C-alpha atoms as a PDB file:
ATOM      1  CA  MET A   1      77.691 106.282  20.802  1.00  0.00           C
ATOM      2  CA  VAL A   2      74.953 108.802  22.837  1.00  0.00           C
ATOM      3  CA  GLY A   3      74.792 105.902  25.415  1.00  0.00           C
ATOM      4  CA  HIS A   4      78.237 106.022  26.172  1.00  0.00           C
ATOM      5  CA  LYS A   5      78.509 110.140  26.392  1.00  0.00           C
ATOM      6  CA  LYS A   6      75.275 109.955  28.975  1.00  0.00           C
ATOM      7  CA  LYS A   7      77.279 107.225  30.822  1.00  0.00           C
ATOM      8  CA  SER A   8      80.547 109.629  30.806  1.00  0.00           C
ATOM      9  CA  LEU A   9      78.862 112.774  31.842  1.00  0.00           C
ATOM     10  CA  THR A  10      77.205 110.614  34.810  1.00  0.00           C
ATOM     11  CA  ILE A  11      80.679 109.642  36.061  1.00  0.00           C
ATOM     12  CA  ARG A  12      81.870 113.496  35.389  1.00  0.00           C
ATOM     13  CA  TYR A  13      78.699 114.803  37.652  1.00  0.00           C
ATOM     14  CA  ILE A  14      79.209 111.604  40.275  1.00  0.00           C
ATOM     15  CA  ILE A  15      83.298 112.403  40.955  1.00  0.00           C
ATOM     16  CA  ALA A  16      82.504 116.796  41.012  1.00  0.00           C
ATOM     17  CA  PHE A  17      79.731 115.902  43.547  1.00  0.00           C
ATOM     18  CA  LEU A  18      82.125 113.826  46.096  1.00  0.00           C
ATOM     19  CA  LEU A  19      84.703 116.697  45.430  1.00  0.00           C
ATOM     20  CA  LEU A  20      82.151 119.061  46.198  1.00  0.00           C
ATOM     21  CA  LEU A  21      81.131 117.483  49.048  1.00  0.00           C
ATOM     22  CA  LEU A  22      84.961 116.648  50.188  1.00  0.00           C
ATOM     23  CA  MET A  23      85.158 120.153  50.139  1.00  0.00           C
ATOM     24  CA  ILE A  24      82.287 121.373  51.884  1.00  0.00           C
ATOM     25  CA  PHE A  25      82.232 118.355  54.277  1.00  0.00           C
ATOM     26  CA  PRO A  26      84.923 120.351  56.817  1.00  0.00           C
ATOM     27  CA  TYR A  27      82.323 123.286  57.403  1.00  0.00           C
ATOM     28  CA  LEU A  28      79.631 121.174  57.591  1.00  0.00           C
ATOM     29  CA  TYR A  29      81.135 119.254  60.423  1.00  0.00           C
ATOM     30  CA  MET A  30      82.122 122.765  62.452  1.00  0.00           C
ATOM     31  CA  VAL A  31      78.224 123.986  61.832  1.00  0.00           C
ATOM     32  CA  LEU A  32      77.184 121.104  63.215  1.00  0.00           C
ATOM     33  CA  ASN A  33      79.307 120.249  66.509  1.00  0.00           C
ATOM     34  CA  SER A  34      78.689 124.111  67.179  1.00  0.00           C
ATOM     35  CA  PHE A  35      75.184 123.146  67.477  1.00  0.00           C
ATOM     36  CA  ALA A  36      75.573 119.836  68.497  1.00  0.00           C
ATOM     37  CA  ASP A  37      75.211 118.738  72.548  1.00  0.00           C
ATOM     38  CA  TRP A  38      78.240 118.588  74.636  1.00  0.00           C
ATOM     39  CA  SER A  39      78.157 115.090  74.768  1.00  0.00           C
ATOM     40  CA  GLN A  40      78.271 114.165  71.081  1.00  0.00           C
ATOM     41  CA  VAL A  41      80.939 116.503  69.997  1.00  0.00           C
ATOM     42  CA  ASP A  42      83.711 115.517  68.074  1.00  0.00           C
ATOM     43  CA  ARG A  43      82.516 111.847  68.927  1.00  0.00           C
ATOM     44  CA  LYS A  44      79.636 111.270  66.435  1.00  0.00           C
ATOM     45  CA  LEU A  45      79.959 111.997  62.535  1.00  0.00           C
ATOM     46  CA  ILE A  46      76.995 113.179  62.828  1.00  0.00           C
ATOM     47  CA  PRO A  47      75.329 114.535  66.019  1.00  0.00           C
ATOM     48  CA  THR A  48      71.737 113.703  66.933  1.00  0.00           C
ATOM     49  CA  SER A  49      71.516 116.029  69.562  1.00  0.00           C
ATOM     50  CA  PHE A  50      71.576 119.826  69.041  1.00  0.00           C
ATOM     51  CA  THR A  51      71.301 122.600  71.374  1.00  0.00           C
ATOM     52  CA  LEU A  52      72.806 126.545  71.549  1.00  0.00           C
ATOM     53  CA  HIS A  53      74.676 125.673  74.729  1.00  0.00           C
ATOM     54  CA  SER A  54      77.773 126.289  72.768  1.00  0.00           C
ATOM     55  CA  TYR A  55      76.672 129.664  71.941  1.00  0.00           C
ATOM     56  CA  GLU A  56      75.580 130.609  75.138  1.00  0.00           C
ATOM     57  CA  TRP A  57      78.447 129.728  76.985  1.00  0.00           C
ATOM     58  CA  LEU A  58      80.344 132.114  74.369  1.00  0.00           C
ATOM     59  CA  LEU A  59      78.047 135.186  74.655  1.00  0.00           C
ATOM     60  CA  SER A  60      77.877 134.676  78.757  1.00  0.00           C
ATOM     61  CA  GLY A  61      81.531 134.986  78.958  1.00  0.00           C
ATOM     62  CA  GLY A  62      83.284 132.019  78.736  1.00  0.00           C
ATOM     63  CA  GLN A  63      85.567 130.772  81.373  1.00  0.00           C
ATOM     64  CA  SER A  64      85.509 134.136  82.892  1.00  0.00           C
ATOM     65  CA  ALA A  65      81.784 133.662  82.953  1.00  0.00           C
ATOM     66  CA  GLU A  66      81.751 137.791  82.852  1.00  0.00           C
ATOM     67  CA  PRO A  67      79.885 139.426  79.856  1.00  0.00           C
ATOM     68  CA  ARG A  68      82.071 140.574  77.111  1.00  0.00           C
ATOM     69  CA  PRO A  69      82.304 143.536  74.870  1.00  0.00           C
ATOM     70  CA  TRP A  70      80.981 141.056  71.921  1.00  0.00           C
ATOM     71  CA  ILE A  71      79.221 144.027  69.867  1.00  0.00           C
ATOM     72  CA  ARG A  72      82.090 146.245  70.264  1.00  0.00           C
ATOM     73  CA  ALA A  73      84.353 143.422  68.858  1.00  0.00           C
ATOM     74  CA  PHE A  74      82.609 142.751  66.055  1.00  0.00           C
ATOM     75  CA  PHE A  75      82.602 147.035  65.118  1.00  0.00           C
ATOM     76  CA  ASN A  76      86.125 146.814  65.730  1.00  0.00           C
ATOM     77  CA  SER A  77      87.045 143.969  63.758  1.00  0.00           C
ATOM     78  CA  LEU A  78      84.913 145.710  60.990  1.00  0.00           C
ATOM     79  CA  ILE A  79      86.789 148.930  61.629  1.00  0.00           C
ATOM     80  CA  VAL A  80      90.463 147.809  60.992  1.00  0.00           C
ATOM     81  CA  SER A  81      89.132 144.835  58.367  1.00  0.00           C
ATOM     82  CA  SER A  82      87.676 147.635  55.858  1.00  0.00           C
ATOM     83  CA  GLY A  83      90.136 150.451  56.855  1.00  0.00           C
ATOM     84  CA  SER A  84      93.297 148.076  56.238  1.00  0.00           C
ATOM     85  CA  THR A  85      91.798 146.300  53.114  1.00  0.00           C
ATOM     86  CA  ILE A  86      90.687 150.128  51.949  1.00  0.00           C
ATOM     87  CA  LEU A  87      94.085 150.774  52.283  1.00  0.00           C
ATOM     88  CA  MET A  88      96.142 147.816  50.625  1.00  0.00           C
ATOM     89  CA  MET A  89      93.816 148.036  47.844  1.00  0.00           C
ATOM     90  CA  ILE A  90      94.549 151.882  47.085  1.00  0.00           C
ATOM     91  CA  THR A  91      98.162 151.600  47.689  1.00  0.00           C
ATOM     92  CA  GLY A  92      98.655 148.350  45.769  1.00  0.00           C
ATOM     93  CA  VAL A  93      96.502 150.340  42.700  1.00  0.00           C
ATOM     94  CA  VAL A  94      99.173 152.666  42.740  1.00  0.00           C
ATOM     95  CA  VAL A  95     102.033 150.962  43.122  1.00  0.00           C
ATOM     96  CA  ALA A  96     100.770 148.657  40.334  1.00  0.00           C
ATOM     97  CA  TYR A  97      99.948 151.421  38.006  1.00  0.00           C
ATOM     98  CA  ALA A  98     103.441 152.876  37.960  1.00  0.00           C
ATOM     99  CA  LEU A  99     104.964 149.258  38.001  1.00  0.00           C
ATOM    100  CA  ALA A 100     102.493 148.328  34.303  1.00  0.00           C
ATOM    101  CA  LYS A 101     102.497 151.650  32.884  1.00  0.00           C
ATOM    102  CA  LEU A 102     104.819 154.223  33.951  1.00  0.00           C
ATOM    103  CA  GLN A 103     108.350 154.340  32.444  1.00  0.00           C
ATOM    104  CA  PHE A 104     111.199 155.382  35.323  1.00  0.00           C
ATOM    105  CA  ARG A 105     114.690 154.437  36.156  1.00  0.00           C
ATOM    106  CA  GLY A 106     114.857 151.579  38.392  1.00  0.00           C
ATOM    107  CA  ARG A 107     111.279 149.871  37.462  1.00  0.00           C
ATOM    108  CA  ASN A 108     112.223 146.170  36.828  1.00  0.00           C
ATOM    109  CA  PHE A 109     114.338 146.436  40.327  1.00  0.00           C
ATOM    110  CA  LEU A 110     111.582 147.532  42.053  1.00  0.00           C
ATOM    111  CA  ASN A 111     109.518 144.918  40.354  1.00  0.00           C
ATOM    112  CA  ASN A 112     112.175 142.134  41.088  1.00  0.00           C
ATOM    113  CA  ALA A 113     112.210 143.594  44.595  1.00  0.00           C
ATOM    114  CA  ILE A 114     108.384 143.093  45.137  1.00  0.00           C
ATOM    115  CA  LEU A 115     108.435 139.896  43.819  1.00  0.00           C
ATOM    116  CA  PHE A 116     111.924 138.922  46.007  1.00  0.00           C
ATOM    117  CA  GLN A 117     109.944 140.470  49.165  1.00  0.00           C
ATOM    118  CA  MET A 118     106.972 137.899  48.735  1.00  0.00           C
ATOM    119  CA  PHE A 119     108.622 134.550  49.730  1.00  0.00           C
ATOM    120  CA  PHE A 120     109.454 136.141  53.166  1.00  0.00           C
ATOM    121  CA  PRO A 121     107.341 135.383  55.784  1.00  0.00           C
ATOM    122  CA  ALA A 122     105.530 138.607  57.341  1.00  0.00           C
ATOM    123  CA  ILE A 123     106.038 137.230  60.868  1.00  0.00           C
ATOM    124  CA  ILE A 124     109.817 138.732  60.333  1.00  0.00           C
ATOM    125  CA  LEU A 125     108.940 142.207  61.107  1.00  0.00           C
ATOM    126  CA  LEU A 126     106.703 141.543  63.527  1.00  0.00           C
ATOM    127  CA  VAL A 127     108.770 143.310  65.997  1.00  0.00           C
ATOM    128  CA  PRO A 128     110.533 145.945  64.025  1.00  0.00           C
ATOM    129  CA  THR A 129     106.987 146.554  63.397  1.00  0.00           C
ATOM    130  CA  PHE A 130     105.800 146.702  66.876  1.00  0.00           C
ATOM    131  CA  LEU A 131     108.536 148.874  68.356  1.00  0.00           C
ATOM    132  CA  ILE A 132     107.972 151.414  65.633  1.00  0.00           C
ATOM    133  CA  ILE A 133     104.294 151.305  66.956  1.00  0.00           C
ATOM    134  CA  GLN A 134     104.838 151.876  69.872  1.00  0.00           C
ATOM    135  CA  ARG A 135     107.256 154.853  69.738  1.00  0.00           C
ATOM    136  CA  LEU A 136     104.799 156.630  67.328  1.00  0.00           C
ATOM    137  CA  GLY A 137     102.357 156.321  70.326  1.00  0.00           C
ATOM    138  CA  MET A 138      99.688 154.228  68.019  1.00  0.00           C
ATOM    139  CA  TYR A 139      99.567 151.418  70.897  1.00  0.00           C
ATOM    140  CA  ASP A 140      96.268 149.752  71.860  1.00  0.00           C
ATOM    141  CA  SER A 141      94.674 152.050  68.571  1.00  0.00           C
ATOM    142  CA  TYR A 142      92.611 152.215  65.400  1.00  0.00           C
ATOM    143  CA  LEU A 143      95.702 153.223  63.663  1.00  0.00           C
ATOM    144  CA  GLY A 144      98.345 150.974  65.256  1.00  0.00           C
ATOM    145  CA  MET A 145      96.186 147.900  64.036  1.00  0.00           C
ATOM    146  CA  ILE A 146      95.571 149.436  60.644  1.00  0.00           C
ATOM    147  CA  LEU A 147      98.747 150.736  59.101  1.00  0.00           C
ATOM    148  CA  PRO A 148     101.184 148.231  59.420  1.00  0.00           C
ATOM    149  CA  LYS A 149      98.476 146.410  57.138  1.00  0.00           C
ATOM    150  CA  ALA A 150      97.900 149.135  54.665  1.00  0.00           C
ATOM    151  CA  LEU A 151     100.277 147.414  52.161  1.00  0.00           C
ATOM    152  CA  SER A 152      99.758 144.041  50.705  1.00  0.00           C
ATOM    153  CA  LEU A 153     102.568 143.037  48.133  1.00  0.00           C
ATOM    154  CA  TRP A 154     100.096 140.780  46.909  1.00  0.00           C
ATOM    155  CA  ALA A 155      97.424 142.876  45.755  1.00  0.00           C
ATOM    156  CA  ILE A 156     100.483 145.252  43.897  1.00  0.00           C
ATOM    157  CA  PHE A 157     101.569 141.422  42.238  1.00  0.00           C
ATOM    158  CA  MET A 158      97.831 140.803  41.025  1.00  0.00           C
ATOM    159  CA  TYR A 159      97.067 144.473  40.024  1.00  0.00           C
ATOM    160  CA  THR A 160      99.897 145.119  37.848  1.00  0.00           C
ATOM    161  CA  ASN A 161      99.854 141.857  35.926  1.00  0.00           C
ATOM    162  CA  PHE A 162      95.892 142.958  35.260  1.00  0.00           C
ATOM    163  CA  PHE A 163      97.157 146.609  33.942  1.00  0.00           C
ATOM    164  CA  ARG A 164      99.596 145.468  31.809  1.00  0.00           C
ATOM    165  CA  ALA A 165      97.083 143.660  30.196  1.00  0.00           C
ATOM    166  CA  ILE A 166      95.313 147.477  29.146  1.00  0.00           C
ATOM    167  CA  PRO A 167      95.932 148.337  25.970  1.00  0.00           C
ATOM    168  CA  ASP A 168      98.197 151.868  26.280  1.00  0.00           C
ATOM    169  CA  THR A 169      95.873 153.478  23.630  1.00  0.00           C
ATOM    170  CA  PHE A 170      93.724 153.862  26.524  1.00  0.00           C
ATOM    171  CA  ILE A 171      96.109 155.821  28.457  1.00  0.00           C
ATOM    172  CA  GLU A 172      97.297 157.422  25.515  1.00  0.00           C
ATOM    173  CA  ALA A 173      93.901 158.902  24.566  1.00  0.00           C
ATOM    174  CA  ALA A 174      93.344 160.279  28.090  1.00  0.00           C
ATOM    175  CA  LYS A 175      96.653 162.330  28.623  1.00  0.00           C
ATOM    176  CA  LEU A 176      96.034 163.854  25.175  1.00  0.00           C
ATOM    177  CA  ASP A 177      92.373 165.141  26.552  1.00  0.00           C
ATOM    178  CA  GLY A 178      94.544 166.073  29.837  1.00  0.00           C
ATOM    179  CA  ALA A 179      94.227 163.789  32.133  1.00  0.00           C
ATOM    180  CA  SER A 180      96.599 163.274  34.775  1.00  0.00           C
ATOM    181  CA  ASP A 181      97.792 159.854  36.247  1.00  0.00           C
ATOM    182  CA  TRP A 182      95.298 160.169  39.453  1.00  0.00           C
ATOM    183  CA  GLN A 183      92.463 160.875  36.700  1.00  0.00           C
ATOM    184  CA  ILE A 184      93.744 158.255  34.545  1.00  0.00           C
ATOM    185  CA  ILE A 185      93.618 155.411  37.416  1.00  0.00           C
ATOM    186  CA  PHE A 186      90.356 156.718  38.984  1.00  0.00           C
ATOM    187  CA  ARG A 187      87.992 157.132  35.690  1.00  0.00           C
ATOM    188  CA  ILE A 188      89.725 154.640  33.484  1.00  0.00           C
ATOM    189  CA  ILE A 189      91.821 151.732  35.000  1.00  0.00           C
ATOM    190  CA  LEU A 190      89.754 150.888  37.994  1.00  0.00           C
ATOM    191  CA  PRO A 191      86.598 151.117  36.142  1.00  0.00           C
ATOM    192  CA  MET A 192      88.016 148.623  33.688  1.00  0.00           C
ATOM    193  CA  SER A 193      89.373 146.356  36.568  1.00  0.00           C
ATOM    194  CA  LYS A 194      86.149 145.731  38.724  1.00  0.00           C
ATOM    195  CA  SER A 195      86.401 141.964  38.700  1.00  0.00           C
ATOM    196  CA  ILE A 196      90.034 141.918  39.929  1.00  0.00           C
ATOM    197  CA  THR A 197      89.286 144.514  42.530  1.00  0.00           C
ATOM    198  CA  ILE A 198      86.083 142.321  43.655  1.00  0.00           C
ATOM    199  CA  VAL A 199      88.595 139.283  43.981  1.00  0.00           C
ATOM    200  CA  VAL A 200      91.561 141.356  45.920  1.00  0.00           C
ATOM    201  CA  PHE A 201      89.020 142.925  48.018  1.00  0.00           C
ATOM    202  CA  LEU A 202      88.078 139.224  49.198  1.00  0.00           C
ATOM    203  CA  PHE A 203      91.258 137.983  49.613  1.00  0.00           C
ATOM    204  CA  LEU A 204      92.660 140.889  51.392  1.00  0.00           C
ATOM    205  CA  PHE A 205      89.452 141.674  53.740  1.00  0.00           C
ATOM    206  CA  MET A 206      89.480 137.743  54.634  1.00  0.00           C
ATOM    207  CA  GLU A 207      92.698 137.571  55.318  1.00  0.00           C
ATOM    208  CA  ARG A 208      92.779 140.640  58.019  1.00  0.00           C
ATOM    209  CA  TRP A 209      89.568 139.514  59.012  1.00  0.00           C
ATOM    210  CA  THR A 210      90.953 136.394  60.549  1.00  0.00           C
ATOM    211  CA  GLU A 211      94.163 138.122  61.544  1.00  0.00           C
ATOM    212  CA  LEU A 212      94.823 136.895  65.056  1.00  0.00           C
ATOM    213  CA  LEU A 213      98.930 137.397  65.850  1.00  0.00           C
ATOM    214  CA  TRP A 214      99.116 141.410  65.518  1.00  0.00           C
ATOM    215  CA  ASP A 215      95.965 142.326  66.811  1.00  0.00           C
ATOM    216  CA  MET A 216      97.089 140.155  70.237  1.00  0.00           C
ATOM    217  CA  ILE A 217     100.347 142.093  70.654  1.00  0.00           C
ATOM    218  CA  VAL A 218      99.290 145.651  69.519  1.00  0.00           C
ATOM    219  CA  VAL A 219      95.742 145.525  71.575  1.00  0.00           C
ATOM    220  CA  LYS A 220      95.439 145.950  75.603  1.00  0.00           C
ATOM    221  CA  SER A 221      92.137 147.477  76.201  1.00  0.00           C
ATOM    222  CA  ASP A 222      88.428 145.718  76.244  1.00  0.00           C
ATOM    223  CA  ASN A 223      87.540 148.470  74.151  1.00  0.00           C
ATOM    224  CA  MET A 224      89.829 147.736  71.131  1.00  0.00           C
ATOM    225  CA  LEU A 225      89.566 144.021  71.202  1.00  0.00           C
ATOM    226  CA  THR A 226      88.742 142.548  68.101  1.00  0.00           C
ATOM    227  CA  LEU A 227      86.529 139.891  67.545  1.00  0.00           C
ATOM    228  CA  ASN A 228      89.282 137.359  66.926  1.00  0.00           C
ATOM    229  CA  VAL A 229      91.168 138.302  70.359  1.00  0.00           C
ATOM    230  CA  LEU A 230      88.123 138.343  72.373  1.00  0.00           C
ATOM    231  CA  LEU A 231      87.551 134.820  71.331  1.00  0.00           C
ATOM    232  CA  SER A 232      90.900 133.780  71.567  1.00  0.00           C
ATOM    233  CA  GLN A 233      90.681 134.943  75.262  1.00  0.00           C
ATOM    234  CA  MET A 234      87.455 132.891  76.358  1.00  0.00           C
ATOM    235  CA  PHE A 235      90.002 129.675  75.931  1.00  0.00           C
ATOM    236  CA  GLY A 236      92.581 128.425  78.374  1.00  0.00           C
ATOM    237  CA  PRO A 237      96.165 127.676  76.870  1.00  0.00           C
ATOM    238  CA  TYR A 238      95.388 124.153  75.785  1.00  0.00           C
ATOM    239  CA  GLY A 239      91.353 124.606  74.672  1.00  0.00           C
ATOM    240  CA  GLY A 240      89.338 122.021  76.208  1.00  0.00           C
ATOM    241  CA  TYR A 241      86.244 123.528  74.943  1.00  0.00           C
ATOM    242  CA  PRO A 242      85.461 122.145  71.369  1.00  0.00           C
ATOM    243  CA  GLY A 243      81.726 122.793  71.197  1.00  0.00           C
ATOM    244  CA  PRO A 244      82.356 126.559  71.768  1.00  0.00           C
ATOM    245  CA  MET A 245      85.761 126.313  69.526  1.00  0.00           C
ATOM    246  CA  TYR A 246      83.232 124.969  66.404  1.00  0.00           C
ATOM    247  CA  ALA A 247      80.829 128.143  67.326  1.00  0.00           C
ATOM    248  CA  ALA A 248      83.362 130.937  67.601  1.00  0.00           C
ATOM    249  CA  SER A 249      84.959 129.447  64.054  1.00  0.00           C
ATOM    250  CA  VAL A 250      81.400 129.889  62.604  1.00  0.00           C
ATOM    251  CA  ILE A 251      80.721 133.017  64.208  1.00  0.00           C
ATOM    252  CA  LEU A 252      84.146 134.591  62.553  1.00  0.00           C
ATOM    253  CA  THR A 253      83.098 132.830  59.113  1.00  0.00           C
ATOM    254  CA  VAL A 254      79.460 134.537  58.575  1.00  0.00           C
ATOM    255  CA  PRO A 255      80.436 137.727  57.477  1.00  0.00           C
ATOM    256  CA  ILE A 256      83.014 136.008  54.766  1.00  0.00           C
ATOM    257  CA  ILE A 257      80.729 133.672  53.797  1.00  0.00           C
ATOM    258  CA  ILE A 258      78.410 136.871  53.149  1.00  0.00           C
ATOM    259  CA  LEU A 259      80.531 138.906  51.292  1.00  0.00           C
ATOM    260  CA  PHE A 260      81.526 135.876  49.230  1.00  0.00           C
ATOM    261  CA  LEU A 261      77.450 135.248  47.988  1.00  0.00           C
ATOM    262  CA  PHE A 262      77.147 138.880  47.682  1.00  0.00           C
ATOM    263  CA  PHE A 263      79.837 139.050  45.329  1.00  0.00           C
ATOM    264  CA  ALA A 264      79.957 135.514  44.135  1.00  0.00           C
ATOM    265  CA  LYS A 265      79.016 136.731  40.244  1.00  0.00           C
ATOM    266  CA  GLN A 266      82.464 139.110  40.231  1.00  0.00           C
ATOM    267  CA  PHE A 267      84.781 136.905  41.680  1.00  0.00           C
ATOM    268  CA  LYS A 268      83.949 134.117  39.428  1.00  0.00           C
ATOM    269  CA  GLU A 269      84.888 136.579  36.539  1.00  0.00           C
ATOM    270  CA  GLY A 270      87.833 137.883  38.329  1.00  0.00           C
ATOM    271  CA  MET A 271      89.452 134.387  38.831  1.00  0.00           C
ATOM    272  CA  GLN A 272      88.805 133.673  35.287  1.00  0.00           C
ATOM    273  CA  PHE A 273      91.274 136.350  34.306  1.00  0.00           C
ATOM    274  CA  THR A 274      93.820 135.319  37.261  1.00  0.00           C
ATOM    275  CA  LEU A 275      93.375 131.611  36.196  1.00  0.00           C
ATOM    276  CA  LYS A 276      94.731 132.476  32.098  1.00  0.00           C
END
């Protein structure tokens, strides 16, 4: 009986290892090919000759061979991603609190409207949003990149479900002590929502960090380029430089991996709630 259990456990570990390998292999393949000699990129499953040529090609300006504002683009991406993420989280928390804990006319209709809107791709609003930003004089500015991404229906949905699980007795007790709704949100609700907040933050930041289409449309000057736009400008319309493409992908994913490793524990706790 004991031997059967050990055999079953061994099989499970083998299956888990194979699944893990299957999931991480694409990233390992990308990293290896970013350092591989150009003659071996995509020609060998595991390259044997390595060089920094792909990264040197990127840093030297790519096809144009002109210096590019790498540091400025990185900080632009950081400013835009952080600003948009913070605004999406603030609006998500406020709207979710109203939907989950406040009684007002039309609450169910608003909740259903948000769920309904989630089924439509954001690209259908691309043109009207661009025209509004242009008329407001926000073209080629941080506000033009941040404000259109200040609301996330997904964040509202996640926070609403979490807030509904918080007992109303906490809120009623706070109101008896004279606390306003804003004080309840930021002193009671948010401290109780740390785990889900980390999950929402990571997903929203990742989504905004990898945004390309909107930033390409709303930015024209080199000083406002984000990292994604800068990298996309360094390749022709048909690619042709697989090694540098892998290197660019590595550069873009490193900040996300660092964030995930830093918040790994809280992320797992938050995901446990979302899967209940």
